[in-house]
Amino acid sequence: MYPKLVALDTDWTIFWGWLNANSWGKGPGASSPVEDNIMKINDWEIQDASNKLLKCGMYGDIPRIIQDIKKNGAKLAIVSRNTSKAMCDRALWYFHVQDADGKDQPLIELVDFDEVYDTDKVEHFSKIKDCTGFNYSDMILYDDEAINNTVEMMLGVTFQVSRDQKGLTWDNYQYGLATWRRNKAIESPWRGLDLQSYPKRKFLGYSGMDLDTIKLLEAGGRRHDRKEPARWGYAMYVADDPAVAKYFSKWIQPTFGAQATTIVCSVWARDGDIFDSMQKVIWIPEEPVERWTEIPGDAFKIAWSQEDRDVTIDTWGVQKPYILFAKHVNMKGDFPIPDNKRFNEMVVYPQVQESLIVINRMSNQEVEQAIKDSESSHVHYEKQMSSWHITVPQETLSEFKEQNERFM
């Protein structure tokens, strides 16, 4: 199984260096337009003819990766925010790779979609989808900037970051493909809002949400909101206790305006077998706070926080797509959990939302009845660790003991 479209960023992904129109072509004897200053050294390197100190070079694994993409019959897209498409095109003309048949070609000749312009990459992929008709779930982006992971959060394009200016390596390429395949493996068909349409459904908990988010989820989509305060990134936050969901339904309201509508919904997996078989879940310790993704905040920091947490969770043997479980400090005041005790939360990220989740709005009466029937309605995530295959690191277990919290 392979994506229908593979997208690559340019600077620090395909090649090292930065094709910056504000610095290239500024030396003695510079030509105009700026791309005419790009001089080929060999099939791997280019330099500025007016300033030989400015160079860029194709990373070593790129030819092998390009050939593999074409051998798998996928479309190749260049998706870059570089401000000079002409410079990028010239560089990709000078860089040579082999096509699926082993014939040397300028890299640009193998590109099916050349999307180079300085705007949010959500727009790049929207244009590609319009041209191809491909689902976003059949696309993957390799990029060195974590801030572009919005294409995964907003659209469902699998995102794989290339770190530390090492470019796209073969191992990183394969890791991204493995993530894409895991994303595909959890897809369960959307059959509308009637819970009876999902014979294998599994009840997961309760969530207080704004109406716009509810409407997106009720259409089989994903949450888009990036305003609501949160600490584990852009996600759906689910409680095992209906009283907690009711509290947060009111707590989030000021974020969306005094007149905003917020509603408690029951949250279900469309297919309990898929949920149970997900690789899937991590109960992360609340500390250190450096693992948190504080929202709202700086978009750059938010994006890298998510990527860094994924790396940490990978060390515990869990890879995306995962569901995160955590304890949350007591909100105090009129919070329904007494004695300053922490409470449980389940964090469902957008890839899982669109692939596996169905929600059901609850009336105020239904919420109050669920609170009244707490013995049967309270899911108690801490009791599901075995049956839901929740991975629990040793430091999480130690934290439970320090807090004198029961776990099973």
Protein backbone atom coordinates (compact mmCIF):
# COMPACT_ATOMS: atom_id res chain seq x y z
CA MET A 1 0.00 0.00 0.00
CA TYR A 2 1.39 3.37 -1.04
CA PRO A 3 0.10 7.00 -1.09
CA LYS A 4 -1.39 8.35 -4.28
CA LEU A 5 0.63 11.55 -3.88
CA VAL A 6 3.97 12.27 -2.18
CA ALA A 7 4.82 15.92 -1.56
CA LEU A 8 8.29 17.25 -0.78
CA ASP A 9 9.39 20.61 0.54
CA THR A 10 12.43 22.24 -1.10
CA ASP A 11 14.95 24.06 1.14
CA TRP A 12 16.44 21.75 3.82
CA THR A 13 14.28 18.84 2.63
CA ILE A 14 15.30 18.10 -0.98
CA PHE A 15 18.49 20.16 -0.77
CA TRP A 16 20.65 21.77 1.90
CA GLY A 17 20.84 25.54 1.87
CA TRP A 18 18.30 28.24 1.23
CA LEU A 19 17.42 29.63 -2.17
CA ASN A 20 16.79 33.14 -0.91
CA ALA A 21 15.92 35.68 -3.60
CA ASN A 22 17.04 38.45 -1.25
CA SER A 23 20.62 37.18 -1.03
CA TRP A 24 21.33 35.29 -4.28
CA GLY A 25 22.31 37.31 -7.36
CA LYS A 26 23.61 40.30 -5.39
CA GLY A 27 27.33 39.95 -6.12
CA PRO A 28 29.52 41.56 -8.81
CA GLY A 29 28.25 40.99 -12.33
CA ALA A 30 24.91 39.60 -11.15
CA SER A 31 22.35 38.74 -13.80
CA SER A 32 18.64 39.42 -13.97
CA PRO A 33 16.32 37.67 -13.35
CA VAL A 34 17.75 36.26 -10.14
CA GLU A 35 17.42 32.60 -11.21
CA ASP A 36 19.95 33.22 -14.00
CA ASN A 37 22.61 33.51 -11.29
CA ILE A 38 22.17 29.86 -10.35
CA MET A 39 25.13 27.96 -11.79
CA LYS A 40 25.41 24.18 -11.96
CA ILE A 41 28.50 22.67 -10.36
CA ASN A 42 27.43 19.06 -10.97
CA ASP A 43 24.27 16.94 -10.82
CA TRP A 44 24.20 17.44 -7.05
CA GLU A 45 25.29 21.03 -6.40
CA ILE A 46 24.60 24.58 -7.51
CA GLN A 47 26.07 27.93 -6.56
CA ASP A 48 25.51 31.65 -7.04
CA ALA A 49 27.56 32.75 -10.05
CA SER A 50 27.86 36.23 -8.51
CA ASN A 51 28.87 34.96 -5.06
CA LYS A 52 30.54 31.56 -4.96
CA LEU A 53 30.02 31.36 -1.18
CA LEU A 54 26.30 30.75 -1.73
CA LYS A 55 25.64 27.12 -2.53
CA CYS A 56 22.92 24.49 -2.32
CA GLY A 57 23.14 20.75 -2.79
CA MET A 58 20.76 17.84 -3.15
CA TYR A 59 20.72 15.48 -0.17
CA GLY A 60 22.21 12.04 -0.78
CA ASP A 61 19.06 9.91 -0.46
CA ILE A 62 16.83 12.08 -2.64
CA PRO A 63 17.52 10.30 -5.97
CA ARG A 64 16.65 6.93 -4.42
CA ILE A 65 13.51 8.38 -2.86
CA ILE A 66 12.34 10.05 -6.08
CA GLN A 67 12.85 6.82 -8.02
CA ASP A 68 10.90 4.86 -5.40
CA ILE A 69 8.01 7.33 -5.57
CA LYS A 70 7.80 6.96 -9.34
CA LYS A 71 8.19 3.17 -9.22
CA ASN A 72 5.17 3.05 -6.92
CA GLY A 73 3.12 4.99 -9.45
CA ALA A 74 2.50 7.95 -7.14
CA LYS A 75 2.22 11.58 -8.17
CA LEU A 76 5.16 13.74 -7.06
CA ALA A 77 4.41 17.22 -5.76
CA ILE A 78 6.77 20.01 -4.80
CA VAL A 79 5.07 21.93 -1.98
CA SER A 80 7.15 24.86 -0.82
CA ARG A 81 6.72 28.31 0.71
CA ASN A 82 9.88 29.57 -0.98
CA THR A 83 9.19 33.03 -2.38
CA SER A 84 10.87 32.31 -5.74
CA LYS A 85 9.34 29.50 -7.76
CA ALA A 86 11.68 30.35 -10.63
CA MET A 87 14.76 29.75 -8.45
CA CYS A 88 13.43 26.44 -7.15
CA ASP A 89 12.52 25.26 -10.65
CA ARG A 90 15.99 26.15 -11.92
CA ALA A 91 17.64 24.25 -9.07
CA LEU A 92 15.46 21.19 -9.66
CA TRP A 93 16.35 21.36 -13.36
CA TYR A 94 20.05 21.15 -12.49
CA PHE A 95 19.63 18.35 -9.93
CA HIS A 96 19.50 15.02 -11.77
CA VAL A 97 17.88 11.77 -10.60
CA GLN A 98 16.75 8.53 -12.22
CA ASP A 99 13.18 7.85 -13.21
CA ALA A 100 11.33 4.57 -12.61
CA ASP A 101 13.13 3.00 -15.59
CA GLY A 102 16.59 4.09 -14.47
CA LYS A 103 16.94 6.92 -16.99
CA ASP A 104 18.68 10.10 -15.88
CA GLN A 105 16.31 13.06 -15.74
CA PRO A 106 16.27 16.58 -14.34
CA LEU A 107 14.31 16.26 -11.11
CA ILE A 108 11.82 18.91 -12.25
CA GLU A 109 10.81 16.70 -15.20
CA LEU A 110 9.42 14.11 -12.79
CA VAL A 111 7.29 16.60 -10.85
CA ASP A 112 3.54 16.34 -11.40
CA PHE A 113 2.49 19.30 -9.23
CA ASP A 114 4.83 22.27 -8.79
CA GLU A 115 3.25 24.23 -5.94
CA VAL A 116 5.79 26.85 -4.83
CA TYR A 117 4.33 30.02 -3.29
CA ASP A 118 4.46 31.63 0.12
CA THR A 119 1.19 30.79 1.82
CA ASP A 120 -0.12 28.28 4.34
CA LYS A 121 0.41 24.80 2.91
CA VAL A 122 -3.22 24.00 3.59
CA GLU A 123 -3.84 26.07 0.45
CA HIS A 124 -1.26 24.13 -1.56
CA PHE A 125 -3.00 20.87 -0.78
CA SER A 126 -6.45 22.28 -1.36
CA LYS A 127 -5.36 23.12 -4.91
CA ILE A 128 -3.84 19.68 -5.40
CA LYS A 129 -7.03 18.00 -4.19
CA ASP A 130 -9.08 20.11 -6.59
CA CYS A 131 -6.84 19.00 -9.47
CA THR A 132 -6.57 15.30 -8.59
CA GLY A 133 -9.72 14.41 -6.69
CA PHE A 134 -7.51 12.47 -4.28
CA ASN A 135 -8.54 12.26 -0.65
CA TYR A 136 -6.20 14.04 1.72
CA SER A 137 -5.76 10.70 3.48
CA ASP A 138 -4.02 9.45 0.33
CA MET A 139 -1.32 12.14 0.52
CA ILE A 140 1.86 12.62 2.54
CA LEU A 141 4.11 15.65 3.05
CA TYR A 142 7.80 15.57 3.98
CA ASP A 143 8.97 18.91 5.36
CA ASP A 144 11.65 20.37 7.63
CA GLU A 145 9.33 22.90 9.29
CA ALA A 146 7.01 21.50 11.96
CA ILE A 147 4.69 24.50 11.59
CA ASN A 148 3.48 22.95 8.34
CA ASN A 149 1.97 20.02 10.25
CA THR A 150 -1.27 22.01 10.04
CA VAL A 151 -1.91 20.04 6.83
CA GLU A 152 -2.33 16.97 9.02
CA MET A 153 -4.35 18.70 11.72
CA MET A 154 -6.69 20.55 9.35
CA LEU A 155 -6.89 18.26 6.33
CA GLY A 156 -5.64 14.76 7.09
CA VAL A 157 -2.48 14.78 4.98
CA THR A 158 0.08 12.57 6.75
CA PHE A 159 2.97 14.79 7.85
CA GLN A 160 6.56 13.69 8.41
CA VAL A 161 9.10 16.22 9.64
CA SER A 162 12.81 16.14 8.70
CA ARG A 163 14.85 17.35 11.64
CA ASP A 164 18.08 19.22 12.29
CA GLN A 165 18.66 20.25 8.66
CA LYS A 166 19.60 16.68 7.78
CA GLY A 167 17.16 16.69 4.88
CA LEU A 168 14.92 13.84 3.83
CA THR A 169 16.74 10.58 4.47
CA TRP A 170 15.71 7.12 3.35
CA ASP A 171 14.91 6.13 6.94
CA ASN A 172 12.79 9.24 7.48
CA TYR A 173 11.01 8.56 4.20
CA GLN A 174 10.20 5.01 5.27
CA TYR A 175 9.08 6.16 8.72
CA GLY A 176 6.63 8.55 7.09
CA LEU A 177 5.25 5.79 4.87
CA ALA A 178 4.80 3.54 7.92
CA THR A 179 2.86 6.33 9.66
CA TRP A 180 0.69 6.80 6.57
CA ARG A 181 -0.09 3.06 6.51
CA ARG A 182 -1.03 3.12 10.21
CA ASN A 183 -3.30 6.09 9.51
CA LYS A 184 -5.01 4.12 6.76
CA ALA A 185 -5.36 1.05 8.96
CA ILE A 186 -7.65 2.81 11.46
CA GLU A 187 -10.11 4.12 8.87
CA SER A 188 -13.66 3.02 9.56
CA PRO A 189 -16.40 4.00 7.08
CA TRP A 190 -18.50 7.03 7.94
CA ARG A 191 -22.17 5.99 7.93
CA GLY A 192 -23.78 9.09 9.39
CA LEU A 193 -24.92 9.93 12.91
CA ASP A 194 -27.23 7.01 13.63
CA LEU A 195 -25.30 4.94 16.17
CA GLN A 196 -27.22 1.85 15.07
CA SER A 197 -25.30 2.10 11.78
CA TYR A 198 -22.17 1.07 13.68
CA PRO A 199 -22.79 -2.43 15.04
CA LYS A 200 -19.26 -2.63 16.49
CA ARG A 201 -19.37 0.82 18.11
CA LYS A 202 -17.62 1.35 21.42
CA PHE A 203 -18.47 4.02 23.98
CA LEU A 204 -15.46 6.15 24.92
CA GLY A 205 -16.71 9.04 27.04
CA TYR A 206 -18.07 12.58 27.00
CA SER A 207 -16.90 15.89 25.57
CA GLY A 208 -18.17 19.45 25.92
CA MET A 209 -17.64 21.16 22.55
CA ASP A 210 -18.48 24.30 20.65
CA LEU A 211 -21.17 24.05 18.00
CA ASP A 212 -18.86 24.64 15.00
CA THR A 213 -16.66 21.73 16.05
CA ILE A 214 -19.70 19.54 16.61
CA LYS A 215 -20.96 20.27 13.10
CA LEU A 216 -17.59 19.30 11.58
CA LEU A 217 -17.56 16.02 13.50
CA GLU A 218 -21.20 15.36 12.63
CA ALA A 219 -20.18 15.53 8.96
CA GLY A 220 -17.55 12.84 9.48
CA GLY A 221 -14.74 15.38 9.67
CA ARG A 222 -12.35 16.75 12.24
CA ARG A 223 -11.97 19.63 14.64
CA HIS A 224 -10.43 22.80 13.14
CA ASP A 225 -10.45 25.12 16.15
CA ARG A 226 -7.05 26.46 17.18
CA LYS A 227 -8.23 28.90 19.88
CA GLU A 228 -9.53 26.82 22.76
CA PRO A 229 -7.03 26.58 25.63
CA ALA A 230 -5.41 23.14 25.78
CA ARG A 231 -2.18 21.55 26.93
CA TRP A 232 -1.73 18.51 24.70
CA GLY A 233 -2.20 20.16 21.33
CA TYR A 234 -5.06 20.48 18.87
CA ALA A 235 -7.43 17.67 19.71
CA MET A 236 -10.79 16.55 21.05
CA TYR A 237 -10.61 16.35 24.84
CA VAL A 238 -12.83 13.59 26.24
CA ALA A 239 -13.77 12.91 29.87
CA ASP A 240 -14.72 9.59 31.43
CA ASP A 241 -17.09 11.43 33.82
CA PRO A 242 -20.17 13.28 32.42
CA ALA A 243 -19.95 15.83 35.23
CA VAL A 244 -16.47 16.83 34.06
CA ALA A 245 -17.67 17.17 30.46
CA LYS A 246 -20.55 19.39 31.65
CA TYR A 247 -18.10 21.59 33.57
CA PHE A 248 -15.83 22.07 30.55
CA SER A 249 -18.76 22.70 28.23
CA LYS A 250 -19.35 25.86 30.28
CA TRP A 251 -15.64 26.57 30.87
CA ILE A 252 -14.80 26.81 27.16
CA GLN A 253 -17.72 29.09 26.32
CA PRO A 254 -15.87 32.43 26.80
CA THR A 255 -13.31 31.33 24.19
CA PHE A 256 -16.01 31.32 21.52
CA GLY A 257 -18.02 34.33 22.72
CA ALA A 258 -20.75 34.95 25.26
CA GLN A 259 -23.46 33.91 22.81
CA ALA A 260 -21.68 30.74 21.67
CA THR A 261 -23.42 27.40 21.98
CA THR A 262 -21.57 24.57 23.67
CA ILE A 263 -23.00 21.09 24.07
CA VAL A 264 -21.98 17.88 25.81
CA CYS A 265 -21.70 14.97 23.38
CA SER A 266 -21.17 11.29 23.90
CA VAL A 267 -18.11 10.04 22.03
CA TRP A 268 -17.89 6.66 20.32
CA ALA A 269 -15.48 4.63 18.24
CA ARG A 270 -17.30 3.57 15.07
CA ASP A 271 -15.56 0.21 15.24
CA GLY A 272 -14.54 -1.10 18.64
CA ASP A 273 -12.37 -3.80 17.09
CA ILE A 274 -10.24 -1.17 15.34
CA PHE A 275 -10.05 0.88 18.52
CA ASP A 276 -8.98 -2.15 20.55
CA SER A 277 -6.38 -3.20 17.99
CA MET A 278 -4.78 0.25 17.62
CA GLN A 279 -1.15 0.22 18.57
CA LYS A 280 -2.49 2.84 20.09
CA VAL A 281 -2.67 4.55 23.35
CA ILE A 282 -0.29 6.13 25.80
CA TRP A 283 -0.95 7.27 29.35
CA ILE A 284 1.50 10.12 29.57
CA PRO A 285 2.75 11.47 32.89
CA GLU A 286 1.59 15.00 33.67
CA GLU A 287 5.12 16.16 34.38
CA PRO A 288 7.40 17.58 33.11
CA VAL A 289 5.38 20.50 31.81
CA GLU A 290 7.87 20.88 28.93
CA ARG A 291 5.91 18.11 27.20
CA TRP A 292 2.78 20.22 27.20
CA THR A 293 1.59 22.03 24.09
CA GLU A 294 0.15 25.22 25.48
CA ILE A 295 -2.66 26.66 23.37
CA PRO A 296 -3.09 29.48 22.62
CA GLY A 297 0.54 30.37 22.01
CA ASP A 298 3.25 30.81 19.42
CA ALA A 299 2.39 28.66 16.36
CA PHE A 300 6.04 27.71 15.79
CA LYS A 301 6.44 26.47 19.37
CA ILE A 302 3.10 24.65 19.29
CA ALA A 303 4.09 22.76 16.15
CA TRP A 304 7.50 21.67 17.42
CA SER A 305 6.04 20.75 20.81
CA GLN A 306 3.73 18.28 19.06
CA GLU A 307 6.57 16.79 17.02
CA ASP A 308 8.85 16.54 20.06
CA ARG A 309 6.15 14.81 22.09
CA ASP A 310 5.70 12.30 19.27
CA VAL A 311 9.41 11.48 19.54
CA THR A 312 9.14 10.99 23.31
CA ILE A 313 6.11 8.74 22.93
CA ASP A 314 7.95 6.76 20.26
CA THR A 315 10.60 5.89 22.87
CA TRP A 316 7.79 4.18 24.81
CA GLY A 317 6.94 2.05 21.79
CA VAL A 318 3.89 3.99 20.56
CA GLN A 319 3.74 5.77 17.20
CA LYS A 320 1.12 7.91 15.45
CA PRO A 321 -1.78 7.67 15.18
CA TYR A 322 -2.27 7.33 18.92
CA ILE A 323 -4.75 8.43 21.56
CA LEU A 324 -3.26 10.10 24.60
CA PHE A 325 -4.48 9.64 28.16
CA ALA A 326 -3.47 11.90 31.02
CA LYS A 327 -4.32 13.08 34.49
CA HIS A 328 -5.30 16.73 34.86
CA VAL A 329 -4.94 18.88 37.95
CA ASN A 330 -8.17 19.67 39.74
CA MET A 331 -9.83 22.91 38.56
CA LYS A 332 -11.03 23.65 42.13
CA GLY A 333 -13.89 26.03 42.89
CA ASP A 334 -17.12 24.48 41.62
CA PHE A 335 -15.31 21.64 39.87
CA PRO A 336 -17.29 18.38 40.39
CA ILE A 337 -14.30 16.26 41.51
CA PRO A 338 -13.86 16.71 45.28
CA ASP A 339 -10.83 16.83 47.56
CA ASN A 340 -8.52 18.44 44.98
CA LYS A 341 -8.20 15.10 43.19
CA ARG A 342 -6.89 14.91 39.66
CA PHE A 343 -9.21 13.74 36.91
CA ASN A 344 -8.79 11.68 33.73
CA GLU A 345 -8.80 13.00 30.18
CA MET A 346 -8.54 11.30 26.81
CA VAL A 347 -6.98 13.31 23.96
CA VAL A 348 -8.13 12.30 20.48
CA TYR A 349 -6.11 13.85 17.66
CA PRO A 350 -7.64 14.84 14.30
CA GLN A 351 -6.43 11.83 12.28
CA VAL A 352 -8.28 9.53 14.69
CA GLN A 353 -11.32 11.81 14.86
CA GLU A 354 -11.99 11.66 11.14
CA SER A 355 -11.09 8.00 10.74
CA LEU A 356 -12.78 6.44 13.74
CA ILE A 357 -15.00 8.74 15.82
CA VAL A 358 -18.74 9.39 15.83
CA ILE A 359 -20.44 11.72 18.31
CA ASN A 360 -23.97 12.11 19.60
CA ARG A 361 -25.35 15.34 21.06
CA MET A 362 -26.80 14.93 24.54
CA SER A 363 -29.74 16.92 25.89
CA ASN A 364 -29.39 18.66 29.24
CA GLN A 365 -31.70 16.04 30.68
CA GLU A 366 -29.54 13.21 29.34
CA VAL A 367 -26.43 14.80 30.80
CA GLU A 368 -28.04 15.22 34.22
CA GLN A 369 -29.28 11.63 34.14
CA ALA A 370 -25.80 10.38 33.26
CA ILE A 371 -24.37 12.36 36.18
CA LYS A 372 -27.03 10.91 38.47
CA ASP A 373 -26.27 7.38 37.23
CA SER A 374 -22.54 7.80 37.77
CA GLU A 375 -22.00 4.18 38.75
CA SER A 376 -22.96 3.02 35.26
CA SER A 377 -22.09 6.10 33.17
CA HIS A 378 -18.59 6.80 34.52
CA VAL A 379 -16.09 5.04 32.21
CA HIS A 380 -13.12 5.16 34.64
CA TYR A 381 -10.21 5.23 32.19
CA GLU A 382 -7.83 4.05 34.89
CA LYS A 383 -9.72 0.75 34.90
CA GLN A 384 -9.41 0.30 31.12
CA MET A 385 -5.63 0.07 30.91
CA SER A 386 -5.61 -3.64 30.19
CA SER A 387 -8.77 -4.01 28.09
CA TRP A 388 -8.00 -0.91 26.00
CA HIS A 389 -4.30 -1.82 25.66
CA ILE A 390 -3.09 1.44 27.13
CA THR A 391 0.69 1.69 27.26
CA VAL A 392 1.74 3.01 30.67
CA PRO A 393 5.39 4.05 31.10
CA GLN A 394 7.10 3.41 34.41
CA GLU A 395 7.31 7.13 35.16
CA THR A 396 3.52 7.35 34.83
CA LEU A 397 3.08 4.48 37.28
CA SER A 398 5.47 6.21 39.66
CA GLU A 399 3.47 9.41 39.37
CA PHE A 400 0.25 7.53 40.21
CA LYS A 401 1.89 6.15 43.36
CA GLU A 402 3.18 9.57 44.40
CA GLN A 403 -0.35 10.93 44.07
CA ASN A 404 -1.84 7.92 45.95
CA GLU A 405 -4.03 7.20 42.93
CA ARG A 406 -5.45 3.78 42.18
CA PHE A 407 -4.82 2.26 38.81
CA MET A 408 -5.58 -1.11 37.26
